[in-house]
Amino acid sequence: MASTAVIVGNETFGLSEVHREPCDCIVRIPMRGSATSLNVASALSIMLREVEAQLRARKG
């Protein structure tokens, strides 16, 4: 199994270009309403849940 690193940017400015450059994939969480960002812990929880769901779907 390949190794994966999840790098999370700050709540206001996201991930700096120096950290974005080596990434194979950049993802965003769609936002509705007036909120412009999520707490980093909340965003990471959403992301890890999606990773888990996709890994389970691959296993069948």
N, C-alpha and C. Protein backbone atom coordinates (compact mmCIF):
# COMPACT_ATOMS: atom_id res chain seq x y z
N MET A 1 0.84 -1.18 0.00
CA MET A 1 0.00 0.00 0.00
C MET A 1 0.89 1.24 0.00
N ALA A 2 0.54 2.23 -0.79
CA ALA A 2 1.30 3.47 -0.89
C ALA A 2 1.09 4.33 0.36
N SER A 3 2.09 5.08 0.71
CA SER A 3 1.98 6.01 1.84
C SER A 3 1.25 7.27 1.39
N THR A 4 0.53 7.85 2.31
CA THR A 4 -0.21 9.08 2.04
C THR A 4 0.02 10.06 3.17
N ALA A 5 0.22 11.31 2.82
CA ALA A 5 0.33 12.38 3.81
C ALA A 5 -0.82 13.34 3.59
N VAL A 6 -1.44 13.77 4.66
CA VAL A 6 -2.49 14.78 4.58
C VAL A 6 -1.93 16.04 5.22
N ILE A 7 -1.87 17.10 4.44
CA ILE A 7 -1.33 18.38 4.91
C ILE A 7 -2.48 19.38 4.92
N VAL A 8 -2.70 20.01 6.06
CA VAL A 8 -3.84 20.91 6.21
C VAL A 8 -3.33 22.33 6.44
N GLY A 9 -3.90 23.27 5.69
CA GLY A 9 -3.52 24.68 5.84
C GLY A 9 -4.28 25.35 6.96
N ASN A 10 -3.95 26.61 7.19
CA ASN A 10 -4.63 27.32 8.27
C ASN A 10 -6.03 27.77 7.83
N GLU A 11 -6.82 28.19 8.78
CA GLU A 11 -8.23 28.46 8.55
C GLU A 11 -8.49 29.67 7.66
N THR A 12 -7.59 30.62 7.63
CA THR A 12 -7.82 31.84 6.86
C THR A 12 -7.18 31.80 5.48
N PHE A 13 -5.93 31.36 5.41
CA PHE A 13 -5.18 31.46 4.17
C PHE A 13 -4.91 30.12 3.49
N GLY A 14 -5.31 29.03 4.10
CA GLY A 14 -5.09 27.73 3.50
C GLY A 14 -3.62 27.32 3.54
N LEU A 15 -3.20 26.62 2.52
CA LEU A 15 -1.85 26.07 2.45
C LEU A 15 -0.96 27.00 1.64
N SER A 16 0.22 27.30 2.14
CA SER A 16 1.13 28.18 1.42
C SER A 16 1.64 27.50 0.16
N GLU A 17 2.08 28.29 -0.80
CA GLU A 17 2.56 27.76 -2.08
C GLU A 17 3.73 26.80 -1.89
N VAL A 18 4.61 27.09 -0.95
CA VAL A 18 5.77 26.21 -0.72
C VAL A 18 5.33 24.81 -0.29
N HIS A 19 4.20 24.71 0.39
CA HIS A 19 3.68 23.42 0.80
C HIS A 19 2.76 22.80 -0.26
N ARG A 20 2.15 23.62 -1.09
CA ARG A 20 1.28 23.13 -2.16
C ARG A 20 2.08 22.50 -3.29
N GLU A 21 3.25 23.05 -3.56
CA GLU A 21 4.06 22.63 -4.71
C GLU A 21 4.31 21.12 -4.79
N PRO A 22 4.74 20.45 -3.71
CA PRO A 22 5.02 19.02 -3.83
C PRO A 22 3.79 18.11 -3.79
N CYS A 23 2.60 18.68 -3.60
CA CYS A 23 1.39 17.87 -3.46
C CYS A 23 0.93 17.30 -4.80
N ASP A 24 0.50 16.05 -4.79
CA ASP A 24 -0.06 15.42 -5.98
C ASP A 24 -1.51 15.83 -6.20
N CYS A 25 -2.20 16.17 -5.12
CA CYS A 25 -3.62 16.47 -5.21
C CYS A 25 -3.97 17.53 -4.16
N ILE A 26 -4.73 18.53 -4.57
CA ILE A 26 -5.22 19.57 -3.66
C ILE A 26 -6.74 19.44 -3.63
N VAL A 27 -7.32 19.36 -2.44
CA VAL A 27 -8.77 19.25 -2.33
C VAL A 27 -9.33 20.42 -1.53
N ARG A 28 -10.59 20.70 -1.77
CA ARG A 28 -11.32 21.73 -1.03
C ARG A 28 -12.64 21.14 -0.56
N ILE A 29 -13.14 21.64 0.54
CA ILE A 29 -14.44 21.23 1.04
C ILE A 29 -15.45 22.30 0.60
N PRO A 30 -16.49 21.90 -0.14
CA PRO A 30 -17.48 22.90 -0.58
C PRO A 30 -18.16 23.54 0.63
N MET A 31 -18.37 24.83 0.56
CA MET A 31 -18.99 25.58 1.66
C MET A 31 -20.30 26.19 1.19
N ARG A 32 -21.31 26.13 2.04
CA ARG A 32 -22.59 26.78 1.77
C ARG A 32 -22.81 27.86 2.81
N GLY A 33 -23.65 28.81 2.49
CA GLY A 33 -23.97 29.86 3.45
C GLY A 33 -22.89 30.92 3.52
N SER A 34 -22.84 31.61 4.65
CA SER A 34 -21.94 32.76 4.78
C SER A 34 -20.56 32.40 5.32
N ALA A 35 -20.38 31.18 5.80
CA ALA A 35 -19.06 30.79 6.33
C ALA A 35 -18.04 30.74 5.20
N THR A 36 -16.83 31.21 5.46
CA THR A 36 -15.78 31.20 4.44
C THR A 36 -14.69 30.18 4.74
N SER A 37 -14.70 29.64 5.96
CA SER A 37 -13.70 28.63 6.30
C SER A 37 -14.22 27.75 7.42
N LEU A 38 -13.56 26.61 7.59
CA LEU A 38 -13.86 25.70 8.69
C LEU A 38 -12.69 25.67 9.65
N ASN A 39 -12.97 25.35 10.89
CA ASN A 39 -11.92 25.07 11.85
C ASN A 39 -11.08 23.93 11.28
N VAL A 40 -9.77 23.98 11.44
CA VAL A 40 -8.88 22.97 10.85
C VAL A 40 -9.25 21.57 11.34
N ALA A 41 -9.55 21.41 12.60
CA ALA A 41 -9.92 20.09 13.13
C ALA A 41 -11.20 19.59 12.47
N SER A 42 -12.17 20.46 12.26
CA SER A 42 -13.41 20.06 11.60
C SER A 42 -13.16 19.67 10.15
N ALA A 43 -12.36 20.46 9.46
CA ALA A 43 -12.04 20.16 8.06
C ALA A 43 -11.31 18.83 7.94
N LEU A 44 -10.37 18.58 8.82
CA LEU A 44 -9.62 17.33 8.78
C LEU A 44 -10.52 16.14 9.08
N SER A 45 -11.47 16.30 10.00
CA SER A 45 -12.42 15.23 10.31
C SER A 45 -13.26 14.87 9.08
N ILE A 46 -13.73 15.87 8.37
CA ILE A 46 -14.51 15.64 7.15
C ILE A 46 -13.66 14.91 6.11
N MET A 47 -12.44 15.37 5.96
CA MET A 47 -11.55 14.77 4.96
C MET A 47 -11.20 13.33 5.28
N LEU A 48 -10.86 13.05 6.52
CA LEU A 48 -10.50 11.68 6.90
C LEU A 48 -11.69 10.74 6.78
N ARG A 49 -12.88 11.23 7.05
CA ARG A 49 -14.09 10.41 6.87
C ARG A 49 -14.27 10.05 5.40
N GLU A 50 -14.03 10.99 4.51
CA GLU A 50 -14.14 10.73 3.08
C GLU A 50 -13.08 9.74 2.61
N VAL A 51 -11.87 9.88 3.12
CA VAL A 51 -10.80 8.93 2.79
C VAL A 51 -11.21 7.52 3.21
N GLU A 52 -11.71 7.40 4.42
CA GLU A 52 -12.15 6.10 4.92
C GLU A 52 -13.26 5.51 4.03
N ALA A 53 -14.23 6.32 3.66
CA ALA A 53 -15.33 5.86 2.82
C ALA A 53 -14.82 5.37 1.47
N GLN A 54 -13.88 6.09 0.88
CA GLN A 54 -13.35 5.67 -0.42
C GLN A 54 -12.52 4.40 -0.31
N LEU A 55 -11.76 4.26 0.76
CA LEU A 55 -10.97 3.03 0.95
C LEU A 55 -11.89 1.82 1.14
N ARG A 56 -12.97 1.99 1.91
CA ARG A 56 -13.93 0.90 2.11
C ARG A 56 -14.61 0.53 0.79
N ALA A 57 -14.93 1.52 -0.02
CA ALA A 57 -15.60 1.26 -1.30
C ALA A 57 -14.68 0.47 -2.24
N ARG A 58 -13.40 0.73 -2.20
CA ARG A 58 -12.44 0.00 -3.04
C ARG A 58 -12.33 -1.46 -2.63
N LYS A 59 -12.44 -1.71 -1.33
CA LYS A 59 -12.32 -3.09 -0.83
C LYS A 59 -13.56 -3.91 -1.15
N GLY A 60 -14.66 -3.23 -1.38
CA GLY A 60 -15.89 -3.93 -1.76
C GLY A 60 -16.76 -4.30 -0.67
